[in-house]
């Protein structure tokens, strides 16, 4: 959530940056400032009434001390009137504060000055492309045919148990999935990330803290009996670990990683882009999250991008890194880099990771602060990245490493998988 004081002091800049994100309702900025002015005036009235109550209360004591009971009773009536007015103003103030907050959460995060203008994925900037094109056999097929051939993922069984988009991994497919998860976690913990196993369901405050609510309510699975949400990513519970905490400056950076299944409704998804593992409702992902000093957040972002890049490189996949344009960024992000891997049989790029800096947008909602060297609380900055999302990584590995004799397992995965080839 944007800070109200910043909006008041930088009205034109806020509008300019929101326009880069193609945010349509720029008048909302003026509405927030106008409503806040009314709130501040009401607060002043409330403070003045409180001062009158305090002054009159002291005067009552003095009058009683002098034995002037009649004058004291008159003052008591006056104080009662002040308190009644104060109660009405306090109710009005609470309503105004709620109205301001309800409007504030409708504003997305401001994009960094590094964010390119644009509205669609075609406007994203290709920062880097590396890796060799896979050499495929003449009879190469896409991964949805390979998983049937080797009997490692069963979509029909998922439909029977739950519904479309809930794959069942079995046998060597389950083993390969477990190998990927273990390798990703070990890679992250070796880089100084602390591993967590968080809950897979979160309450409303947690979903609000990272910006899933109210922006992405329709994309999450909701359980009304308990008012819980299934997590769309480990970012949600992991970042909230430090909600409402005041940290020491020496605690930063805080680096966390977690494996979780992720649940996304993906309403309206259909067509070729959702075949096989390209888009599913439940998928596995390993996440990295950092809480950092505001002065270090873009340095940390570069570090996280380099971390994910080396991980993708270790799998031997051709990849590219995109800097997302304003129109393709998430509601909460200030700057995002997407990683895509090349799918040899499908002949298309598949997104497998997003690495984002949220600056203080999330931490303002969660009130994650630290005390600076002067002892003054400041908002930390939060960042997160996929390290990595498994379905499209698995799809690319199956397709790009297919041979006449089976699927060649990348060297880094062999100690985890226990074999050189999947047959």
Protein backbone atom coordinates (compact mmCIF):
# COMPACT_ATOMS: atom_id res chain seq x y z
CA UNK A 1 0.00 0.00 0.00
CA UNK A 2 1.31 3.44 -0.90
CA UNK A 3 2.07 5.76 1.99
CA UNK A 4 -0.48 8.54 2.39
CA UNK A 5 2.12 11.18 3.26
CA UNK A 6 4.04 10.38 0.06
CA UNK A 7 0.88 10.73 -2.04
CA UNK A 8 0.06 14.10 -0.46
CA UNK A 9 3.55 15.44 -1.06
CA UNK A 10 4.00 14.00 -4.58
CA UNK A 11 0.58 14.12 -6.24
CA UNK A 12 1.86 14.71 -9.79
CA UNK A 13 4.68 12.16 -9.51
CA UNK A 14 2.28 9.51 -8.23
CA UNK A 15 -0.04 10.11 -11.19
CA UNK A 16 2.87 10.02 -13.63
CA UNK A 17 4.16 6.69 -12.30
CA UNK A 18 0.68 5.14 -12.15
CA UNK A 19 0.19 6.09 -15.79
CA UNK A 20 3.27 3.97 -16.64
CA UNK A 21 1.38 1.03 -15.13
CA UNK A 22 -1.61 1.97 -17.29
CA UNK A 23 -3.71 2.59 -14.19
CA UNK A 24 -6.94 4.08 -15.52
CA UNK A 25 -8.45 5.88 -12.54
CA UNK A 26 -5.87 8.61 -11.88
CA UNK A 27 -8.62 10.78 -10.35
CA UNK A 28 -8.52 8.36 -7.44
CA UNK A 29 -5.33 10.10 -6.30
CA UNK A 30 -7.16 13.45 -6.05
CA UNK A 31 -10.09 11.77 -4.32
CA UNK A 32 -7.77 10.27 -1.69
CA UNK A 33 -6.04 13.59 -1.04
CA UNK A 34 -9.37 15.43 -0.79
CA UNK A 35 -10.80 12.84 1.59
CA UNK A 36 -7.64 12.95 3.65
CA UNK A 37 -7.91 16.74 3.94
CA UNK A 38 -11.38 16.27 5.36
CA UNK A 39 -10.02 13.61 7.72
CA UNK A 40 -7.25 15.92 8.94
CA UNK A 41 -9.71 18.77 9.59
CA UNK A 42 -11.94 16.40 11.50
CA UNK A 43 -8.94 15.18 13.50
CA UNK A 44 -8.13 18.82 14.36
CA UNK A 45 -11.71 19.37 15.56
CA UNK A 46 -11.46 16.25 17.69
CA UNK A 47 -8.14 17.38 19.17
CA UNK A 48 -9.56 20.84 19.97
CA UNK A 49 -12.55 19.30 21.73
CA UNK A 50 -10.23 17.05 23.73
CA UNK A 51 -8.28 20.13 24.81
CA UNK A 52 -11.50 21.86 25.90
CA UNK A 53 -12.51 18.79 27.93
CA UNK A 54 -9.11 18.73 29.65
CA UNK A 55 -9.21 22.46 30.40
CA UNK A 56 -12.80 22.33 31.70
CA UNK A 57 -12.01 19.28 33.83
CA UNK A 58 -9.14 21.13 35.50
CA UNK A 59 -11.41 24.13 36.04
CA UNK A 60 -14.02 21.92 37.73
CA UNK A 61 -11.40 20.78 40.20
CA UNK A 62 -10.43 24.35 40.95
CA UNK A 63 -14.07 25.43 41.42
CA UNK A 64 -14.78 22.49 43.71
CA UNK A 65 -11.71 23.42 45.73
CA UNK A 66 -13.08 26.92 46.17
CA UNK A 67 -16.47 25.60 47.19
CA UNK A 68 -18.17 27.02 44.07
CA UNK A 69 -20.33 23.93 43.49
CA UNK A 70 -22.95 25.61 41.28
CA UNK A 71 -20.29 26.90 38.85
CA UNK A 72 -18.64 23.46 38.93
CA UNK A 73 -21.94 21.76 38.03
CA UNK A 74 -22.36 24.13 35.08
CA UNK A 75 -18.87 23.19 33.92
CA UNK A 76 -19.73 19.49 34.25
CA UNK A 77 -22.71 20.03 31.93
CA UNK A 78 -20.39 21.80 29.51
CA UNK A 79 -17.92 18.89 29.64
CA UNK A 80 -20.74 16.41 28.98
CA UNK A 81 -21.73 18.39 25.88
CA UNK A 82 -18.10 18.44 24.71
CA UNK A 83 -17.83 14.68 25.19
CA UNK A 84 -21.05 14.03 23.25
CA UNK A 85 -19.77 16.17 20.38
CA UNK A 86 -16.40 14.45 20.60
CA UNK A 87 -18.03 11.02 20.32
CA UNK A 88 -19.87 12.08 17.16
CA UNK A 89 -16.66 13.50 15.67
CA UNK A 90 -14.70 10.37 16.63
CA UNK A 91 -17.26 8.23 14.81
CA UNK A 92 -17.00 10.49 11.77
CA UNK A 93 -13.20 10.35 11.96
CA UNK A 94 -13.19 6.54 12.09
CA UNK A 95 -15.48 6.42 9.05
CA UNK A 96 -13.22 8.83 7.13
CA UNK A 97 -10.11 6.84 8.00
CA UNK A 98 -11.79 3.67 6.74
CA UNK A 99 -12.84 5.42 3.51
CA UNK A 100 -9.28 6.66 2.91
CA UNK A 101 -7.88 3.17 3.53
CA UNK A 102 -10.47 1.57 1.23
CA UNK A 103 -9.34 3.87 -1.56
CA UNK A 104 -5.62 3.50 -0.83
CA UNK A 105 -5.74 -0.27 -1.35
CA UNK A 106 -7.12 0.31 -4.84
CA UNK A 107 -3.88 2.01 -5.91
CA UNK A 108 -1.18 -0.33 -7.26
CA UNK A 109 2.46 0.07 -6.38
CA UNK A 110 4.38 2.74 -8.25
CA UNK A 111 6.68 1.29 -10.92
CA UNK A 112 10.38 1.99 -10.69
CA UNK A 113 11.91 4.41 -13.19
CA UNK A 114 13.59 1.32 -14.71
CA UNK A 115 10.20 -0.04 -15.81
CA UNK A 116 9.66 0.35 -19.56
CA UNK A 117 6.41 1.81 -20.87
CA UNK A 118 4.04 -0.62 -22.53
CA UNK A 119 0.74 -2.44 -22.22
CA UNK A 120 1.29 -6.05 -23.31
CA UNK A 121 3.94 -8.78 -22.97
CA UNK A 122 5.20 -7.80 -26.40
CA UNK A 123 6.42 -4.54 -24.84
CA UNK A 124 8.65 -6.30 -22.29
CA UNK A 125 12.39 -5.75 -22.69
CA UNK A 126 14.58 -8.75 -23.46
CA UNK A 127 17.49 -8.15 -21.08
CA UNK A 128 19.41 -11.33 -21.79
CA UNK A 129 19.15 -14.57 -23.73
CA UNK A 130 21.55 -17.47 -23.21
CA UNK A 131 21.95 -21.19 -23.62
CA UNK A 132 22.00 -23.43 -26.67
CA UNK A 133 19.03 -24.67 -28.65
CA UNK A 134 18.29 -28.29 -27.74
CA UNK A 135 19.18 -30.92 -30.34
CA UNK A 136 16.05 -33.06 -30.63
CA UNK A 137 15.48 -36.37 -32.38
CA UNK A 138 13.43 -36.31 -35.56
CA UNK A 139 10.45 -37.86 -33.79
CA UNK A 140 10.49 -35.38 -30.87
CA UNK A 141 7.12 -34.80 -29.21
CA UNK A 142 5.78 -32.28 -26.66
CA UNK A 143 5.84 -33.11 -22.96
CA UNK A 144 2.16 -34.09 -22.77
CA UNK A 145 2.95 -37.01 -25.07
CA UNK A 146 6.16 -37.85 -23.18
CA UNK A 147 4.41 -38.06 -19.82
CA UNK A 148 1.98 -40.57 -21.32
CA UNK A 149 4.78 -42.52 -22.97
CA UNK A 150 6.71 -42.86 -19.70
CA UNK A 151 3.58 -42.94 -17.49
CA UNK A 152 4.86 -40.26 -15.09
CA UNK A 153 1.93 -37.80 -14.85
CA UNK A 154 -1.76 -38.69 -15.04
CA UNK A 155 -4.17 -35.85 -15.81
CA UNK A 156 -7.21 -38.08 -16.16
CA UNK A 157 -6.71 -39.42 -12.65
CA UNK A 158 -6.50 -35.82 -11.40
CA UNK A 159 -9.86 -35.09 -13.03
CA UNK A 160 -11.35 -38.14 -11.32
CA UNK A 161 -10.04 -37.16 -7.89
CA UNK A 162 -10.53 -33.38 -8.07
CA UNK A 163 -11.04 -31.81 -11.48
CA UNK A 164 -9.25 -30.42 -14.52
CA UNK A 165 -5.87 -28.85 -13.80
CA UNK A 166 -4.90 -31.10 -10.87
CA UNK A 167 -2.22 -33.50 -12.21
CA UNK A 168 -1.19 -36.67 -10.39
CA UNK A 169 2.56 -37.36 -10.50
CA UNK A 170 3.43 -41.04 -10.21
CA UNK A 171 6.42 -43.34 -10.15
CA UNK A 172 9.47 -41.79 -11.79
CA UNK A 173 7.53 -38.58 -12.37
CA UNK A 174 6.94 -38.16 -8.63
CA UNK A 175 10.59 -39.01 -7.97
CA UNK A 176 11.80 -36.41 -10.49
CA UNK A 177 9.47 -33.82 -8.99
CA UNK A 178 10.88 -34.55 -5.53
CA UNK A 179 14.43 -34.37 -6.91
CA UNK A 180 13.79 -30.91 -8.36
CA UNK A 181 12.29 -29.62 -5.11
CA UNK A 182 15.18 -30.95 -3.02
CA UNK A 183 17.78 -29.56 -5.40
CA UNK A 184 16.16 -26.12 -5.48
CA UNK A 185 15.92 -25.96 -1.69
CA UNK A 186 19.52 -27.08 -1.21
CA UNK A 187 20.68 -24.52 -3.77
CA UNK A 188 18.84 -21.75 -1.92
CA UNK A 189 19.92 -22.73 1.60
CA UNK A 190 23.56 -22.94 0.41
CA UNK A 191 23.18 -19.27 -0.59
CA UNK A 192 22.11 -18.28 2.94
CA UNK A 193 18.33 -18.63 2.75
CA UNK A 194 16.61 -20.13 5.80
CA UNK A 195 14.16 -22.88 4.90
CA UNK A 196 10.56 -22.77 6.14
CA UNK A 197 7.55 -25.05 5.79
CA UNK A 198 4.61 -22.63 6.13
CA UNK A 199 0.86 -23.32 6.26
CA UNK A 200 -0.81 -23.82 2.88
CA UNK A 201 -3.91 -21.93 4.02
CA UNK A 202 -3.87 -18.32 5.20
CA UNK A 203 -6.30 -15.94 6.85
CA UNK A 204 -7.60 -12.71 5.39
CA UNK A 205 -5.01 -10.49 7.11
CA UNK A 206 -2.17 -12.55 5.63
CA UNK A 207 -3.60 -12.43 2.09
CA UNK A 208 -4.16 -8.69 2.49
CA UNK A 209 -0.59 -8.15 3.69
CA UNK A 210 1.09 -9.26 0.46
CA UNK A 211 -1.53 -7.66 -1.79
CA UNK A 212 -3.53 -10.73 -2.86
CA UNK A 213 -6.56 -9.04 -1.30
CA UNK A 214 -8.45 -7.22 -2.56
CA UNK A 215 -6.70 -7.36 -5.97
CA UNK A 216 -6.62 -11.13 -6.65
CA UNK A 217 -9.59 -12.40 -4.66
CA UNK A 218 -11.11 -14.19 -7.66
CA UNK A 219 -7.89 -16.09 -8.38
CA UNK A 220 -7.68 -17.80 -4.98
CA UNK A 221 -9.55 -20.81 -3.65
CA UNK A 222 -11.64 -19.67 -0.70
CA UNK A 223 -13.10 -21.61 2.25
CA UNK A 224 -15.93 -19.46 3.63
CA UNK A 225 -16.57 -21.65 6.70
CA UNK A 226 -13.18 -20.64 8.13
CA UNK A 227 -12.48 -17.49 6.08
CA UNK A 228 -9.24 -19.09 4.87
CA UNK A 229 -7.58 -18.93 1.45
CA UNK A 230 -5.42 -21.58 -0.23
CA UNK A 231 -2.06 -19.97 -0.98
CA UNK A 232 -1.30 -18.97 -4.59
CA UNK A 233 2.43 -18.86 -3.73
CA UNK A 234 4.71 -19.36 -0.71
CA UNK A 235 5.42 -15.62 -0.85
CA UNK A 236 2.13 -15.03 0.99
CA UNK A 237 2.73 -16.96 4.25
CA UNK A 238 6.53 -16.54 4.25
CA UNK A 239 6.57 -12.73 3.96
CA UNK A 240 3.90 -12.53 6.68
CA UNK A 241 6.19 -14.30 9.15
CA UNK A 242 7.44 -10.85 10.16
CA UNK A 243 4.10 -9.00 9.99
CA UNK A 244 3.76 -6.36 12.75
CA UNK A 245 7.36 -6.91 13.85
CA UNK A 246 9.95 -4.23 14.53
CA UNK A 247 13.36 -5.63 13.62
CA UNK A 248 16.86 -4.50 14.40
CA UNK A 249 18.75 -2.94 11.51
CA UNK A 250 21.43 -5.60 12.06
CA UNK A 251 18.80 -8.31 11.41
CA UNK A 252 18.65 -7.27 7.75
CA UNK A 253 18.75 -8.76 5.23
CA UNK A 254 16.42 -11.61 6.17
CA UNK A 255 16.52 -14.36 3.52
CA UNK A 256 13.88 -17.10 3.47
CA UNK A 257 13.00 -19.98 1.18
CA UNK A 258 10.12 -22.44 1.13
CA UNK A 259 8.67 -25.21 -0.95
CA UNK A 260 4.87 -25.31 -1.15
CA UNK A 261 2.17 -26.49 -3.46
CA UNK A 262 0.42 -23.46 -4.97
CA UNK A 263 -3.27 -23.16 -5.80
CA UNK A 264 -4.67 -20.82 -8.47
CA UNK A 265 -8.11 -20.83 -9.99
CA UNK A 266 -6.86 -19.32 -13.27
CA UNK A 267 -10.46 -18.60 -14.26
CA UNK A 268 -11.02 -18.38 -18.00
CA UNK A 269 -7.82 -20.21 -19.00
CA UNK A 270 -8.21 -22.37 -22.09
CA UNK A 271 -6.61 -23.27 -25.43
CA UNK A 272 -3.14 -24.42 -26.46
CA UNK A 273 -1.39 -22.48 -23.66
CA UNK A 274 -2.95 -24.73 -21.02
CA UNK A 275 -2.06 -28.10 -22.53
CA UNK A 276 -0.16 -30.52 -20.32
CA UNK A 277 1.79 -28.76 -17.57
CA UNK A 278 1.69 -25.32 -19.18
CA UNK A 279 -1.03 -24.09 -16.83
CA UNK A 280 -2.55 -26.01 -13.93
CA UNK A 281 -4.58 -25.18 -10.82
CA UNK A 282 -2.21 -26.90 -8.38
CA UNK A 283 1.54 -26.85 -8.88
CA UNK A 284 4.77 -27.05 -6.88
CA UNK A 285 7.10 -24.11 -6.46
CA UNK A 286 10.15 -23.18 -4.42
CA UNK A 287 10.20 -19.52 -3.43
CA UNK A 288 12.82 -17.10 -2.15
CA UNK A 289 11.89 -14.00 -0.11
CA UNK A 290 14.05 -11.20 1.26
CA UNK A 291 13.38 -8.38 3.73
CA UNK A 292 16.06 -5.75 3.31
CA UNK A 293 17.14 -2.22 4.16
CA UNK A 294 15.51 0.29 1.75
CA UNK A 295 18.94 1.46 0.58
CA UNK A 296 19.86 -2.10 -0.45
CA UNK A 297 16.69 -3.37 -2.14
CA UNK A 298 17.76 -2.89 -5.77
CA UNK A 299 21.16 -4.36 -5.02
CA UNK A 300 19.30 -7.32 -3.49
CA UNK A 301 17.08 -7.57 -6.56
CA UNK A 302 20.14 -7.88 -8.82
CA UNK A 303 21.54 -10.51 -6.46
CA UNK A 304 18.31 -12.52 -6.60
CA UNK A 305 18.15 -12.32 -10.39
CA UNK A 306 21.74 -13.61 -10.59
CA UNK A 307 20.87 -16.37 -8.11
CA UNK A 308 17.92 -17.59 -10.19
CA UNK A 309 19.92 -17.29 -13.42
CA UNK A 310 22.65 -19.60 -12.12
CA UNK A 311 19.99 -22.09 -11.03
CA UNK A 312 18.42 -22.14 -14.51
CA UNK A 313 21.88 -22.41 -16.10
CA UNK A 314 22.69 -25.43 -13.90
CA UNK A 315 19.77 -27.29 -15.49
CA UNK A 316 21.23 -26.77 -18.96
CA UNK A 317 18.17 -24.95 -20.30
CA UNK A 318 18.10 -22.17 -22.85
CA UNK A 319 16.57 -19.13 -21.17
CA UNK A 320 15.88 -15.45 -21.42
CA UNK A 321 15.37 -12.69 -18.87
CA UNK A 322 12.69 -10.04 -19.45
CA UNK A 323 12.19 -6.73 -17.70
CA UNK A 324 8.42 -6.37 -17.55
CA UNK A 325 6.72 -3.29 -18.92
CA UNK A 326 4.24 -1.28 -16.87
CA UNK A 327 1.19 -3.02 -18.31
CA UNK A 328 2.49 -6.55 -17.69
CA UNK A 329 3.56 -6.07 -14.07
CA UNK A 330 1.71 -7.26 -11.00
CA UNK A 331 -0.39 -4.91 -8.89
CA UNK A 332 2.16 -4.91 -6.05
CA UNK A 333 5.50 -4.86 -7.88
CA UNK A 334 7.82 -1.90 -8.40
CA UNK A 335 10.11 -3.81 -10.79
CA UNK A 336 9.91 -7.39 -12.07
CA UNK A 337 12.21 -9.64 -14.08
CA UNK A 338 10.68 -12.75 -15.64
CA UNK A 339 12.65 -15.85 -16.53
CA UNK A 340 11.48 -17.97 -19.45
CA UNK A 341 12.91 -21.29 -20.63
CA UNK A 342 12.78 -22.55 -24.20
CA UNK A 343 10.48 -25.46 -24.88
CA UNK A 344 12.08 -27.32 -27.77
CA UNK A 345 9.14 -29.44 -28.88
CA UNK A 346 6.52 -26.73 -28.43
CA UNK A 347 8.91 -24.15 -29.91
CA UNK A 348 7.86 -21.48 -27.44
CA UNK A 349 9.07 -19.70 -24.32
CA UNK A 350 7.65 -20.82 -20.98
CA UNK A 351 7.72 -18.55 -17.92
CA UNK A 352 9.29 -20.29 -14.92
CA UNK A 353 10.17 -17.46 -12.53
CA UNK A 354 9.35 -13.88 -11.60
CA UNK A 355 11.75 -11.92 -9.41
CA UNK A 356 10.29 -8.69 -8.01
CA UNK A 357 11.07 -5.76 -5.75
CA UNK A 358 7.98 -4.47 -3.94
CA UNK A 359 9.88 -1.70 -2.13
CA UNK A 360 7.71 -0.79 0.91
CA UNK A 361 4.33 -1.52 -0.69
CA UNK A 362 3.84 -4.86 1.10
CA UNK A 363 5.71 -3.93 4.27
CA UNK A 364 3.49 -0.87 4.73
CA UNK A 365 0.47 -3.18 4.74
CA UNK A 366 2.16 -5.66 7.06
CA UNK A 367 3.89 -3.02 9.22
CA UNK A 368 7.27 -4.76 8.90
CA UNK A 369 9.70 -2.22 10.29
CA UNK A 370 13.21 -1.91 11.63
CA UNK A 371 14.83 0.62 13.92
CA UNK A 372 17.54 2.67 12.24
CA UNK A 373 20.72 3.81 13.99
CA UNK A 374 18.80 6.70 15.57
CA UNK A 375 16.17 4.31 16.94
CA UNK A 376 13.50 5.52 14.53
CA UNK A 377 11.22 2.83 13.00
CA UNK A 378 11.38 2.58 9.20
CA UNK A 379 9.61 0.31 6.75
CA UNK A 380 11.76 -2.49 5.36
CA UNK A 381 11.61 -3.43 1.66
CA UNK A 382 10.38 -6.85 0.52
CA UNK A 383 11.41 -8.89 -2.52
CA UNK A 384 10.53 -12.35 -3.78
CA UNK A 385 11.29 -14.71 -6.60
CA UNK A 386 10.43 -18.17 -7.93
CA UNK A 387 13.38 -20.49 -7.49
CA UNK A 388 11.78 -22.24 -9.32
CA UNK A 389 8.20 -23.03 -10.38
CA UNK A 390 8.22 -26.69 -11.37
CA UNK A 391 5.58 -27.43 -14.05
CA UNK A 392 7.16 -25.55 -16.96
CA UNK A 393 10.68 -26.43 -15.84
CA UNK A 394 9.67 -30.09 -15.92
CA UNK A 395 7.99 -29.60 -19.31
CA UNK A 396 11.16 -28.04 -20.76
CA UNK A 397 13.45 -30.69 -19.23
CA UNK A 398 11.34 -33.53 -20.65
CA UNK A 399 11.10 -32.00 -24.11
CA UNK A 400 14.66 -30.70 -24.46
CA UNK A 401 16.33 -33.82 -23.05
CA UNK A 402 14.33 -36.48 -24.90
CA UNK A 403 16.33 -39.11 -26.79
CA UNK A 404 15.60 -42.40 -28.46
CA UNK A 405 16.56 -44.13 -25.19
CA UNK A 406 14.76 -41.96 -22.65
CA UNK A 407 14.91 -38.57 -20.94
CA UNK A 408 18.44 -37.52 -19.98
CA UNK A 409 18.56 -36.21 -16.40
CA UNK A 410 20.64 -33.01 -15.92
CA UNK A 411 23.88 -33.75 -14.10
CA UNK A 412 23.01 -31.63 -11.04
CA UNK A 413 19.81 -33.63 -10.52
CA UNK A 414 21.33 -37.09 -10.79
CA UNK A 415 22.35 -37.40 -7.11
CA UNK A 416 18.75 -36.50 -6.17
CA UNK A 417 17.03 -38.61 -8.80
CA UNK A 418 19.40 -41.58 -8.48
CA UNK A 419 19.87 -42.22 -12.22
CA UNK A 420 21.23 -40.61 -15.36
CA UNK A 421 18.20 -41.23 -17.51
CA UNK A 422 14.45 -41.62 -17.12
CA UNK A 423 13.29 -44.66 -19.10
